[in-house]
Amino acid sequence: GLFISPERKSFLVSGIRSRMRKVGCQDYREYYNHLSGEHLQIREWSLLVDQLTVHETCFFRHESSLKLVEEVVIPSVFECRQSLNAWSVGCATGEESYSLAMLIDDYCAAQGGAQHFGVTGTDISLPSLKHAREGLYLDRRLQGIRTAFQDRYCLSETDSRFRISPDLRKRVCFSQFNLRDIEKAPFANLDLVFCQNLLIYYHRE
């Protein structure tokens, strides 16, 4: 389902050649045969897709979108019910999912904690999802997180890394999902679908 425009051919070639070097293939035909091998297909396709997608993200990326979520979406949902289910589509290494969880948890705490919520993060990249589940990040990632949220949700792990608190991590789950298979999405009753810098990978239709 990935769309890579002709002007980005060099990016495609670089990504494929990188995987070819990793598996020891000398030419495209050999790599194609390797990619088509039944016992390797799922794993190698996943690693190739991971190579060809951009995982650049950060906490509280695109402030205006998250301000809308915080000031409009979250209060309006909880006006109608006591629970909120959010889907972070194309979550990469999890920063977006945890940012949403921080905003929702902060609102719930301010209201006395009677509400319930869950955030589901999905991505096509298995290595990115592994990173997201661990919730471990370099300290430089703290830059986008409010001081109050740092104190509440970020625990120092080493001299250079921090981990998202267990209480928040248990509110967020991560799963592999290809948006091209949207009709198979096992989700229902979603209150928020957050989709940031993802549709650029798809044809408009």
N, C-alpha and C. Protein backbone atom coordinates (compact mmCIF):
# COMPACT_ATOMS: atom_id res chain seq x y z
N GLY A 1 0.78 -1.22 0.00
CA GLY A 1 0.00 0.00 0.00
C GLY A 1 0.82 1.27 0.00
N LEU A 2 2.12 1.19 0.17
CA LEU A 2 2.97 2.38 0.18
C LEU A 2 3.03 3.01 -1.21
N PHE A 3 2.98 4.32 -1.24
CA PHE A 3 3.15 5.06 -2.49
C PHE A 3 4.42 5.88 -2.40
N ILE A 4 5.36 5.60 -3.27
CA ILE A 4 6.61 6.35 -3.31
C ILE A 4 6.69 7.03 -4.67
N SER A 5 6.66 8.33 -4.68
CA SER A 5 6.59 9.10 -5.92
C SER A 5 7.87 8.93 -6.73
N PRO A 6 7.78 9.10 -8.06
CA PRO A 6 8.95 8.93 -8.92
C PRO A 6 10.14 9.79 -8.52
N GLU A 7 9.88 10.99 -8.02
CA GLU A 7 10.99 11.86 -7.64
C GLU A 7 11.73 11.36 -6.39
N ARG A 8 11.15 10.37 -5.71
CA ARG A 8 11.82 9.79 -4.54
C ARG A 8 12.42 8.43 -4.86
N LYS A 9 12.70 8.19 -6.15
CA LYS A 9 13.25 6.90 -6.56
C LYS A 9 14.57 6.60 -5.84
N SER A 10 15.42 7.62 -5.65
CA SER A 10 16.71 7.39 -4.99
C SER A 10 16.51 6.88 -3.56
N PHE A 11 15.46 7.39 -2.88
CA PHE A 11 15.13 6.92 -1.53
C PHE A 11 14.73 5.45 -1.56
N LEU A 12 13.93 5.06 -2.55
CA LEU A 12 13.50 3.67 -2.69
C LEU A 12 14.70 2.77 -2.96
N VAL A 13 15.54 3.18 -3.91
CA VAL A 13 16.72 2.38 -4.26
C VAL A 13 17.63 2.21 -3.04
N SER A 14 17.84 3.30 -2.30
CA SER A 14 18.69 3.25 -1.12
C SER A 14 18.14 2.28 -0.08
N GLY A 15 16.82 2.32 0.14
CA GLY A 15 16.21 1.43 1.13
C GLY A 15 16.31 -0.02 0.73
N ILE A 16 16.05 -0.33 -0.55
CA ILE A 16 16.13 -1.71 -1.02
C ILE A 16 17.57 -2.22 -0.95
N ARG A 17 18.51 -1.38 -1.39
CA ARG A 17 19.92 -1.80 -1.35
C ARG A 17 20.39 -2.03 0.08
N SER A 18 19.87 -1.26 1.02
CA SER A 18 20.24 -1.46 2.42
C SER A 18 19.81 -2.84 2.90
N ARG A 19 18.58 -3.23 2.56
CA ARG A 19 18.11 -4.56 2.94
C ARG A 19 18.87 -5.65 2.20
N MET A 20 19.21 -5.40 0.92
CA MET A 20 19.99 -6.38 0.15
C MET A 20 21.33 -6.66 0.82
N ARG A 21 21.99 -5.59 1.29
CA ARG A 21 23.27 -5.78 1.97
C ARG A 21 23.09 -6.58 3.25
N LYS A 22 22.01 -6.30 3.98
CA LYS A 22 21.79 -6.99 5.26
C LYS A 22 21.60 -8.50 5.07
N VAL A 23 20.92 -8.88 3.98
CA VAL A 23 20.65 -10.32 3.77
C VAL A 23 21.63 -10.97 2.81
N GLY A 24 22.58 -10.20 2.27
CA GLY A 24 23.62 -10.76 1.42
C GLY A 24 23.22 -11.02 -0.02
N CYS A 25 22.27 -10.25 -0.55
CA CYS A 25 21.87 -10.41 -1.94
C CYS A 25 22.68 -9.49 -2.84
N GLN A 26 23.10 -10.00 -4.00
CA GLN A 26 23.96 -9.24 -4.89
C GLN A 26 23.21 -8.43 -5.93
N ASP A 27 22.01 -8.85 -6.29
CA ASP A 27 21.25 -8.11 -7.30
C ASP A 27 19.76 -8.15 -6.97
N TYR A 28 18.98 -7.35 -7.71
CA TYR A 28 17.56 -7.21 -7.42
C TYR A 28 16.81 -8.53 -7.57
N ARG A 29 17.14 -9.30 -8.60
CA ARG A 29 16.45 -10.59 -8.82
C ARG A 29 16.66 -11.52 -7.64
N GLU A 30 17.88 -11.56 -7.15
CA GLU A 30 18.16 -12.42 -5.99
C GLU A 30 17.37 -11.96 -4.77
N TYR A 31 17.31 -10.64 -4.58
CA TYR A 31 16.55 -10.13 -3.44
C TYR A 31 15.06 -10.38 -3.61
N TYR A 32 14.55 -10.23 -4.83
CA TYR A 32 13.14 -10.50 -5.09
C TYR A 32 12.82 -11.95 -4.74
N ASN A 33 13.69 -12.87 -5.15
CA ASN A 33 13.46 -14.29 -4.82
C ASN A 33 13.51 -14.50 -3.31
N HIS A 34 14.45 -13.81 -2.66
CA HIS A 34 14.54 -13.90 -1.20
C HIS A 34 13.26 -13.37 -0.55
N LEU A 35 12.78 -12.25 -1.06
CA LEU A 35 11.58 -11.62 -0.51
C LEU A 35 10.34 -12.49 -0.74
N SER A 36 10.37 -13.29 -1.80
CA SER A 36 9.22 -14.12 -2.15
C SER A 36 9.26 -15.48 -1.46
N GLY A 37 10.36 -15.81 -0.80
CA GLY A 37 10.46 -17.11 -0.13
C GLY A 37 9.44 -17.23 1.00
N GLU A 38 8.72 -18.30 1.00
CA GLU A 38 7.59 -18.44 1.93
C GLU A 38 8.01 -18.34 3.39
N HIS A 39 9.16 -18.93 3.74
CA HIS A 39 9.56 -18.96 5.15
C HIS A 39 10.13 -17.62 5.62
N LEU A 40 10.46 -16.72 4.68
CA LEU A 40 11.04 -15.42 5.06
C LEU A 40 10.12 -14.25 4.74
N GLN A 41 9.08 -14.50 3.99
CA GLN A 41 8.31 -13.42 3.38
C GLN A 41 7.78 -12.41 4.39
N ILE A 42 7.10 -12.87 5.41
CA ILE A 42 6.45 -11.95 6.35
C ILE A 42 7.50 -11.11 7.07
N ARG A 43 8.56 -11.76 7.54
CA ARG A 43 9.58 -11.02 8.30
C ARG A 43 10.31 -10.03 7.40
N GLU A 44 10.74 -10.47 6.22
CA GLU A 44 11.53 -9.59 5.36
C GLU A 44 10.69 -8.43 4.81
N TRP A 45 9.43 -8.70 4.47
CA TRP A 45 8.56 -7.60 4.02
C TRP A 45 8.43 -6.56 5.11
N SER A 46 8.27 -7.03 6.34
CA SER A 46 8.11 -6.10 7.46
C SER A 46 9.36 -5.24 7.62
N LEU A 47 10.53 -5.86 7.49
CA LEU A 47 11.79 -5.12 7.64
C LEU A 47 12.00 -4.15 6.48
N LEU A 48 11.59 -4.55 5.27
CA LEU A 48 11.72 -3.66 4.12
C LEU A 48 10.79 -2.45 4.26
N VAL A 49 9.55 -2.70 4.66
CA VAL A 49 8.61 -1.60 4.87
C VAL A 49 9.13 -0.65 5.95
N ASP A 50 9.70 -1.23 7.00
CA ASP A 50 10.28 -0.41 8.06
C ASP A 50 11.38 0.49 7.49
N GLN A 51 12.16 -0.04 6.56
CA GLN A 51 13.23 0.72 5.93
C GLN A 51 12.69 1.86 5.07
N LEU A 52 11.50 1.65 4.49
CA LEU A 52 10.96 2.60 3.51
C LEU A 52 9.95 3.59 4.10
N THR A 53 9.74 3.53 5.39
CA THR A 53 8.83 4.49 6.02
C THR A 53 9.62 5.35 7.01
N VAL A 54 9.18 6.56 7.17
CA VAL A 54 9.88 7.52 8.03
C VAL A 54 9.29 7.46 9.43
N HIS A 55 10.15 7.29 10.42
CA HIS A 55 9.67 7.14 11.80
C HIS A 55 9.94 8.38 12.64
N GLU A 56 10.20 9.48 11.98
CA GLU A 56 10.48 10.72 12.71
C GLU A 56 9.22 11.20 13.42
N THR A 57 9.29 11.29 14.71
CA THR A 57 8.15 11.75 15.50
C THR A 57 8.70 12.33 16.80
N CYS A 58 7.84 12.92 17.58
CA CYS A 58 8.26 13.44 18.87
C CYS A 58 7.03 13.61 19.74
N PHE A 59 7.25 13.85 21.02
CA PHE A 59 6.12 14.09 21.93
C PHE A 59 5.49 15.43 21.60
N PHE A 60 4.17 15.44 21.61
CA PHE A 60 3.38 16.66 21.39
C PHE A 60 3.75 17.36 20.08
N ARG A 61 3.90 16.53 19.06
CA ARG A 61 4.18 17.05 17.72
C ARG A 61 2.93 17.73 17.17
N HIS A 62 3.10 18.79 16.47
CA HIS A 62 2.01 19.57 15.87
C HIS A 62 1.07 20.07 16.96
N GLU A 63 1.50 21.08 17.65
CA GLU A 63 0.84 21.59 18.86
C GLU A 63 -0.61 21.97 18.64
N SER A 64 -0.93 22.54 17.47
CA SER A 64 -2.31 22.99 17.26
C SER A 64 -3.30 21.83 17.21
N SER A 65 -2.88 20.71 16.64
CA SER A 65 -3.76 19.53 16.60
C SER A 65 -4.04 19.02 18.01
N LEU A 66 -3.01 18.96 18.82
CA LEU A 66 -3.17 18.45 20.17
C LEU A 66 -3.93 19.44 21.06
N LYS A 67 -3.80 20.73 20.76
CA LYS A 67 -4.58 21.73 21.49
C LYS A 67 -6.07 21.52 21.22
N LEU A 68 -6.42 21.21 19.98
CA LEU A 68 -7.81 20.92 19.63
C LEU A 68 -8.31 19.70 20.40
N VAL A 69 -7.47 18.67 20.45
CA VAL A 69 -7.84 17.45 21.20
C VAL A 69 -8.06 17.79 22.67
N GLU A 70 -7.13 18.56 23.25
CA GLU A 70 -7.19 18.86 24.68
C GLU A 70 -8.37 19.76 25.04
N GLU A 71 -8.60 20.78 24.24
CA GLU A 71 -9.59 21.79 24.62
C GLU A 71 -10.99 21.51 24.11
N VAL A 72 -11.12 20.73 23.05
CA VAL A 72 -12.44 20.50 22.45
C VAL A 72 -12.85 19.03 22.50
N VAL A 73 -12.00 18.15 21.96
CA VAL A 73 -12.41 16.75 21.80
C VAL A 73 -12.60 16.05 23.14
N ILE A 74 -11.59 16.09 23.99
CA ILE A 74 -11.67 15.36 25.26
C ILE A 74 -12.85 15.84 26.12
N PRO A 75 -13.01 17.15 26.36
CA PRO A 75 -14.16 17.59 27.17
C PRO A 75 -15.50 17.22 26.55
N SER A 76 -15.62 17.31 25.22
CA SER A 76 -16.91 17.02 24.58
C SER A 76 -17.26 15.54 24.69
N VAL A 77 -16.28 14.68 24.61
CA VAL A 77 -16.55 13.24 24.75
C VAL A 77 -17.02 12.93 26.17
N PHE A 78 -16.30 13.45 27.15
CA PHE A 78 -16.64 13.14 28.54
C PHE A 78 -17.92 13.84 29.01
N GLU A 79 -18.39 14.80 28.27
CA GLU A 79 -19.71 15.37 28.57
C GLU A 79 -20.81 14.36 28.30
N CYS A 80 -20.56 13.46 27.38
CA CYS A 80 -21.58 12.49 26.96
C CYS A 80 -21.43 11.13 27.63
N ARG A 81 -20.22 10.78 28.01
CA ARG A 81 -20.02 9.45 28.60
C ARG A 81 -18.82 9.48 29.54
N GLN A 82 -18.60 8.38 30.22
CA GLN A 82 -17.53 8.30 31.21
C GLN A 82 -16.29 7.58 30.69
N SER A 83 -16.25 7.33 29.38
CA SER A 83 -15.09 6.64 28.82
C SER A 83 -14.71 7.25 27.47
N LEU A 84 -13.44 7.07 27.10
CA LEU A 84 -12.96 7.60 25.83
C LEU A 84 -11.98 6.59 25.24
N ASN A 85 -12.21 6.26 23.97
CA ASN A 85 -11.32 5.35 23.26
C ASN A 85 -10.67 6.09 22.09
N ALA A 86 -9.34 6.11 22.07
CA ALA A 86 -8.61 6.83 21.03
C ALA A 86 -7.73 5.87 20.23
N TRP A 87 -7.60 6.16 18.95
CA TRP A 87 -6.74 5.37 18.06
C TRP A 87 -5.68 6.29 17.49
N SER A 88 -4.43 5.97 17.75
CA SER A 88 -3.28 6.70 17.19
C SER A 88 -2.79 5.90 15.99
N VAL A 89 -3.09 6.39 14.78
CA VAL A 89 -2.80 5.65 13.54
C VAL A 89 -1.41 6.02 13.03
N GLY A 90 -0.59 5.02 12.74
CA GLY A 90 0.78 5.31 12.32
C GLY A 90 1.58 5.89 13.47
N CYS A 91 1.58 5.18 14.59
CA CYS A 91 2.12 5.73 15.84
C CYS A 91 3.64 5.70 15.92
N ALA A 92 4.32 5.04 14.97
CA ALA A 92 5.78 4.95 14.97
C ALA A 92 6.28 4.41 16.32
N THR A 93 7.16 5.13 16.99
CA THR A 93 7.76 4.62 18.24
C THR A 93 6.98 5.01 19.49
N GLY A 94 5.76 5.49 19.32
CA GLY A 94 4.85 5.63 20.46
C GLY A 94 4.69 7.01 21.07
N GLU A 95 5.50 7.98 20.65
CA GLU A 95 5.42 9.30 21.28
C GLU A 95 4.04 9.92 21.13
N GLU A 96 3.44 9.78 19.94
CA GLU A 96 2.11 10.35 19.71
C GLU A 96 1.07 9.70 20.62
N SER A 97 1.11 8.38 20.73
CA SER A 97 0.14 7.66 21.57
C SER A 97 0.25 8.07 23.02
N TYR A 98 1.48 8.18 23.51
CA TYR A 98 1.68 8.59 24.91
C TYR A 98 1.30 10.05 25.13
N SER A 99 1.51 10.89 24.12
CA SER A 99 1.09 12.30 24.24
C SER A 99 -0.42 12.39 24.42
N LEU A 100 -1.16 11.63 23.60
CA LEU A 100 -2.63 11.60 23.74
C LEU A 100 -3.03 11.09 25.12
N ALA A 101 -2.36 10.03 25.57
CA ALA A 101 -2.68 9.44 26.88
C ALA A 101 -2.42 10.44 28.01
N MET A 102 -1.35 11.21 27.91
CA MET A 102 -1.06 12.22 28.93
C MET A 102 -2.17 13.26 28.99
N LEU A 103 -2.61 13.73 27.84
CA LEU A 103 -3.67 14.75 27.81
C LEU A 103 -4.97 14.21 28.40
N ILE A 104 -5.32 12.99 28.03
CA ILE A 104 -6.58 12.42 28.51
C ILE A 104 -6.49 12.13 30.01
N ASP A 105 -5.38 11.56 30.45
CA ASP A 105 -5.22 11.24 31.86
C ASP A 105 -5.23 12.50 32.72
N ASP A 106 -4.60 13.56 32.22
CA ASP A 106 -4.57 14.82 32.95
C ASP A 106 -5.99 15.37 33.12
N TYR A 107 -6.79 15.29 32.07
CA TYR A 107 -8.18 15.75 32.16
C TYR A 107 -8.95 14.92 33.18
N CYS A 108 -8.78 13.60 33.10
CA CYS A 108 -9.50 12.72 34.03
C CYS A 108 -9.13 13.00 35.49
N ALA A 109 -7.84 13.22 35.72
CA ALA A 109 -7.38 13.52 37.08
C ALA A 109 -8.00 14.81 37.60
N ALA A 110 -8.11 15.80 36.72
CA ALA A 110 -8.68 17.09 37.13
C ALA A 110 -10.17 16.97 37.43
N GLN A 111 -10.81 15.95 36.85
CA GLN A 111 -12.25 15.75 37.08
C GLN A 111 -12.54 14.76 38.21
N GLY A 112 -11.49 14.32 38.88
CA GLY A 112 -11.67 13.42 40.01
C GLY A 112 -11.35 11.97 39.71
N GLY A 113 -11.01 11.65 38.47
CA GLY A 113 -10.56 10.30 38.13
C GLY A 113 -11.66 9.28 37.94
N ALA A 114 -12.91 9.69 37.78
CA ALA A 114 -14.00 8.73 37.62
C ALA A 114 -14.10 8.19 36.20
N GLN A 115 -13.47 8.88 35.25
CA GLN A 115 -13.56 8.47 33.86
C GLN A 115 -12.53 7.37 33.52
N HIS A 116 -12.79 6.71 32.41
CA HIS A 116 -11.89 5.66 31.94
C HIS A 116 -11.49 5.97 30.51
N PHE A 117 -10.30 5.52 30.12
CA PHE A 117 -9.88 5.74 28.73
C PHE A 117 -8.85 4.69 28.33
N GLY A 118 -8.70 4.57 27.03
CA GLY A 118 -7.66 3.71 26.46
C GLY A 118 -7.18 4.29 25.15
N VAL A 119 -5.91 4.11 24.86
CA VAL A 119 -5.33 4.56 23.59
C VAL A 119 -4.72 3.35 22.89
N THR A 120 -5.06 3.16 21.64
CA THR A 120 -4.48 2.09 20.84
C THR A 120 -3.58 2.72 19.78
N GLY A 121 -2.32 2.33 19.78
CA GLY A 121 -1.39 2.80 18.77
C GLY A 121 -1.11 1.69 17.77
N THR A 122 -1.22 2.00 16.48
CA THR A 122 -0.93 0.99 15.46
C THR A 122 0.11 1.53 14.48
N ASP A 123 0.89 0.61 13.94
CA ASP A 123 1.89 0.96 12.94
C ASP A 123 2.22 -0.30 12.16
N ILE A 124 2.78 -0.12 10.98
CA ILE A 124 3.16 -1.26 10.16
C ILE A 124 4.54 -1.80 10.54
N SER A 125 5.31 -1.01 11.27
CA SER A 125 6.69 -1.36 11.60
C SER A 125 6.80 -2.10 12.93
N LEU A 126 7.23 -3.35 12.88
CA LEU A 126 7.40 -4.13 14.11
C LEU A 126 8.52 -3.59 15.01
N PRO A 127 9.68 -3.19 14.46
CA PRO A 127 10.71 -2.61 15.33
C PRO A 127 10.24 -1.35 16.05
N SER A 128 9.47 -0.51 15.36
CA SER A 128 8.95 0.70 15.99
C SER A 128 7.98 0.36 17.12
N LEU A 129 7.14 -0.63 16.90
CA LEU A 129 6.17 -1.03 17.92
C LEU A 129 6.87 -1.61 19.15
N LYS A 130 7.94 -2.35 18.93
CA LYS A 130 8.71 -2.89 20.06
C LYS A 130 9.23 -1.74 20.92
N HIS A 131 9.77 -0.72 20.25
CA HIS A 131 10.26 0.47 20.95
C HIS A 131 9.12 1.14 21.72
N ALA A 132 7.97 1.27 21.07
CA ALA A 132 6.83 1.94 21.70
C ALA A 132 6.38 1.20 22.96
N ARG A 133 6.33 -0.12 22.89
CA ARG A 133 5.89 -0.90 24.06
C ARG A 133 6.84 -0.74 25.24
N GLU A 134 8.12 -0.62 24.94
CA GLU A 134 9.10 -0.44 26.03
C GLU A 134 8.96 0.92 26.68
N GLY A 135 8.52 1.92 25.91
CA GLY A 135 8.31 3.26 26.47
C GLY A 135 9.57 3.91 26.99
N LEU A 136 10.72 3.57 26.40
CA LEU A 136 12.01 4.08 26.85
C LEU A 136 12.57 5.03 25.79
N TYR A 137 12.93 6.25 26.21
CA TYR A 137 13.33 7.28 25.27
C TYR A 137 14.56 8.04 25.78
N LEU A 138 15.29 8.63 24.83
CA LEU A 138 16.41 9.48 25.19
C LEU A 138 15.92 10.75 25.88
N ASP A 139 16.70 11.27 26.80
CA ASP A 139 16.30 12.45 27.56
C ASP A 139 16.00 13.65 26.68
N ARG A 140 16.64 13.72 25.50
CA ARG A 140 16.37 14.88 24.63
C ARG A 140 14.93 14.91 24.16
N ARG A 141 14.23 13.77 24.25
CA ARG A 141 12.82 13.72 23.88
C ARG A 141 11.93 14.44 24.90
N LEU A 142 12.47 14.73 26.06
CA LEU A 142 11.69 15.44 27.08
C LEU A 142 11.36 16.87 26.66
N GLN A 143 12.09 17.35 25.68
CA GLN A 143 11.98 18.76 25.30
C GLN A 143 10.56 19.19 24.96
N GLY A 144 9.78 18.30 24.35
CA GLY A 144 8.43 18.67 23.95
C GLY A 144 7.37 18.44 25.01
N ILE A 145 7.75 17.91 26.16
CA ILE A 145 6.78 17.54 27.20
C ILE A 145 6.73 18.61 28.28
N ARG A 146 5.53 19.03 28.64
CA ARG A 146 5.38 20.03 29.71
C ARG A 146 6.05 19.55 30.99
N THR A 147 6.54 20.51 31.75
CA THR A 147 7.23 20.16 32.99
C THR A 147 6.34 19.35 33.92
N ALA A 148 5.09 19.74 34.04
CA ALA A 148 4.16 19.01 34.92
C ALA A 148 3.97 17.58 34.46
N PHE A 149 3.94 17.39 33.14
CA PHE A 149 3.78 16.04 32.60
C PHE A 149 5.06 15.23 32.77
N GLN A 150 6.21 15.89 32.68
CA GLN A 150 7.48 15.20 32.92
C GLN A 150 7.51 14.65 34.34
N ASP A 151 7.10 15.49 35.28
CA ASP A 151 7.13 15.07 36.69
C ASP A 151 6.18 13.91 36.96
N ARG A 152 5.04 13.89 36.26
CA ARG A 152 4.01 12.90 36.53
C ARG A 152 4.17 11.60 35.73
N TYR A 153 4.64 11.72 34.50
CA TYR A 153 4.59 10.56 33.60
C TYR A 153 5.95 10.04 33.14
N CYS A 154 7.04 10.73 33.46
CA CYS A 154 8.36 10.34 32.94
C CYS A 154 9.30 10.00 34.09
N LEU A 155 9.79 8.79 34.10
CA LEU A 155 10.66 8.32 35.16
C LEU A 155 12.09 8.16 34.65
N SER A 156 13.03 8.73 35.35
CA SER A 156 14.44 8.62 34.95
C SER A 156 14.89 7.17 35.03
N GLU A 157 15.46 6.68 33.93
CA GLU A 157 15.88 5.27 33.87
C GLU A 157 17.40 5.15 33.96
N THR A 158 18.11 5.97 33.21
CA THR A 158 19.58 6.00 33.25
C THR A 158 19.99 7.48 33.18
N ASP A 159 21.29 7.70 33.01
CA ASP A 159 21.78 9.07 32.90
C ASP A 159 21.28 9.77 31.64
N SER A 160 20.87 8.99 30.66
CA SER A 160 20.48 9.60 29.38
C SER A 160 19.09 9.18 28.88
N ARG A 161 18.37 8.38 29.65
CA ARG A 161 17.09 7.88 29.18
C ARG A 161 16.01 7.97 30.27
N PHE A 162 14.77 8.06 29.82
CA PHE A 162 13.64 8.02 30.74
C PHE A 162 12.60 7.04 30.20
N ARG A 163 11.73 6.59 31.09
CA ARG A 163 10.68 5.65 30.71
C ARG A 163 9.33 6.21 31.10
N ILE A 164 8.35 6.00 30.23
CA ILE A 164 6.97 6.40 30.54
C ILE A 164 6.49 5.58 31.74
N SER A 165 5.79 6.22 32.66
CA SER A 165 5.37 5.57 33.90
C SER A 165 4.47 4.36 33.63
N PRO A 166 4.56 3.32 34.47
CA PRO A 166 3.75 2.12 34.27
C PRO A 166 2.25 2.41 34.26
N ASP A 167 1.79 3.34 35.11
CA ASP A 167 0.36 3.65 35.16
C ASP A 167 -0.15 4.18 33.83
N LEU A 168 0.65 4.98 33.15
CA LEU A 168 0.23 5.49 31.85
C LEU A 168 0.39 4.43 30.78
N ARG A 169 1.48 3.66 30.84
CA ARG A 169 1.72 2.64 29.82
C ARG A 169 0.62 1.58 29.79
N LYS A 170 0.02 1.31 30.93
CA LYS A 170 -1.03 0.29 30.93
C LYS A 170 -2.33 0.79 30.28
N ARG A 171 -2.40 2.08 30.03
CA ARG A 171 -3.56 2.66 29.34
C ARG A 171 -3.39 2.64 27.82
N VAL A 172 -2.18 2.27 27.37
CA VAL A 172 -1.86 2.34 25.94
C VAL A 172 -1.43 0.96 25.45
N CYS A 173 -2.03 0.51 24.37
CA CYS A 173 -1.60 -0.76 23.77
C CYS A 173 -1.15 -0.51 22.34
N PHE A 174 -0.28 -1.38 21.85
CA PHE A 174 0.30 -1.21 20.52
C PHE A 174 0.11 -2.49 19.72
N SER A 175 -0.21 -2.32 18.44
CA SER A 175 -0.46 -3.47 17.58
C SER A 175 -0.05 -3.16 16.16
N GLN A 176 0.44 -4.18 15.45
CA GLN A 176 0.78 -3.98 14.04
C GLN A 176 -0.49 -3.93 13.21
N PHE A 177 -0.55 -2.96 12.31
CA PHE A 177 -1.72 -2.82 11.45
C PHE A 177 -1.35 -2.04 10.20
N ASN A 178 -1.78 -2.53 9.05
CA ASN A 178 -1.59 -1.85 7.78
C ASN A 178 -2.88 -1.10 7.45
N LEU A 179 -2.79 0.19 7.34
CA LEU A 179 -3.98 1.01 7.11
C LEU A 179 -4.69 0.63 5.81
N ARG A 180 -3.97 -0.01 4.91
CA ARG A 180 -4.59 -0.46 3.66
C ARG A 180 -5.70 -1.49 3.94
N ASP A 181 -5.60 -2.17 5.07
CA ASP A 181 -6.59 -3.18 5.45
C ASP A 181 -7.63 -2.60 6.40
N ILE A 182 -8.02 -1.35 6.17
CA ILE A 182 -8.88 -0.65 7.11
C ILE A 182 -10.20 -1.36 7.36
N GLU A 183 -10.71 -2.06 6.33
CA GLU A 183 -11.99 -2.75 6.51
C GLU A 183 -11.88 -3.91 7.51
N LYS A 184 -10.64 -4.33 7.80
CA LYS A 184 -10.44 -5.41 8.75
C LYS A 184 -10.09 -4.90 10.15
N ALA A 185 -10.10 -3.58 10.32
CA ALA A 185 -9.72 -3.01 11.61
C ALA A 185 -10.65 -3.51 12.71
N PRO A 186 -10.09 -4.08 13.77
CA PRO A 186 -10.92 -4.67 14.84
C PRO A 186 -11.35 -3.65 15.88
N PHE A 187 -11.64 -2.42 15.45
CA PHE A 187 -11.98 -1.37 16.39
C PHE A 187 -13.45 -1.01 16.28
N ALA A 188 -14.03 -0.61 17.38
CA ALA A 188 -15.41 -0.14 17.39
C ALA A 188 -15.55 0.93 18.47
N ASN A 189 -16.55 1.78 18.30
CA ASN A 189 -16.86 2.80 19.31
C ASN A 189 -15.68 3.72 19.61
N LEU A 190 -14.99 4.14 18.56
CA LEU A 190 -13.87 5.05 18.75
C LEU A 190 -14.38 6.49 18.88
N ASP A 191 -13.81 7.22 19.82
CA ASP A 191 -14.16 8.62 20.01
C ASP A 191 -13.18 9.54 19.30
N LEU A 192 -11.96 9.07 19.08
CA LEU A 192 -10.93 9.90 18.47
C LEU A 192 -10.03 9.03 17.60
N VAL A 193 -9.85 9.45 16.35
CA VAL A 193 -8.87 8.84 15.46
C VAL A 193 -7.85 9.92 15.12
N PHE A 194 -6.63 9.74 15.60
CA PHE A 194 -5.59 10.75 15.42
C PHE A 194 -4.62 10.25 14.36
N CYS A 195 -4.50 11.00 13.28
CA CYS A 195 -3.74 10.56 12.11
C CYS A 195 -2.82 11.70 11.66
N GLN A 196 -1.55 11.61 12.02
CA GLN A 196 -0.62 12.71 11.78
C GLN A 196 0.47 12.26 10.80
N ASN A 197 0.61 12.99 9.68
CA ASN A 197 1.67 12.72 8.71
C ASN A 197 1.69 11.27 8.24
N LEU A 198 0.52 10.74 7.94
CA LEU A 198 0.43 9.35 7.48
C LEU A 198 -0.14 9.25 6.06
N LEU A 199 -1.13 10.04 5.76
CA LEU A 199 -1.82 9.92 4.47
C LEU A 199 -0.92 10.29 3.29
N ILE A 200 0.22 10.94 3.57
CA ILE A 200 1.16 11.27 2.51
C ILE A 200 1.72 10.00 1.86
N TYR A 201 1.59 8.87 2.52
CA TYR A 201 2.12 7.62 1.97
C TYR A 201 1.14 6.93 1.02
N TYR A 202 -0.06 7.47 0.87
CA TYR A 202 -1.10 6.80 0.11
C TYR A 202 -1.57 7.65 -1.05
N HIS A 203 -2.01 6.97 -2.12
CA HIS A 203 -2.69 7.68 -3.21
C HIS A 203 -3.95 8.34 -2.63
N ARG A 204 -4.34 9.46 -3.19
CA ARG A 204 -5.48 10.20 -2.65
C ARG A 204 -6.75 9.34 -2.55
N GLU A 205 -7.04 8.57 -3.57
CA GLU A 205 -8.27 7.77 -3.53
C GLU A 205 -8.17 6.64 -2.53
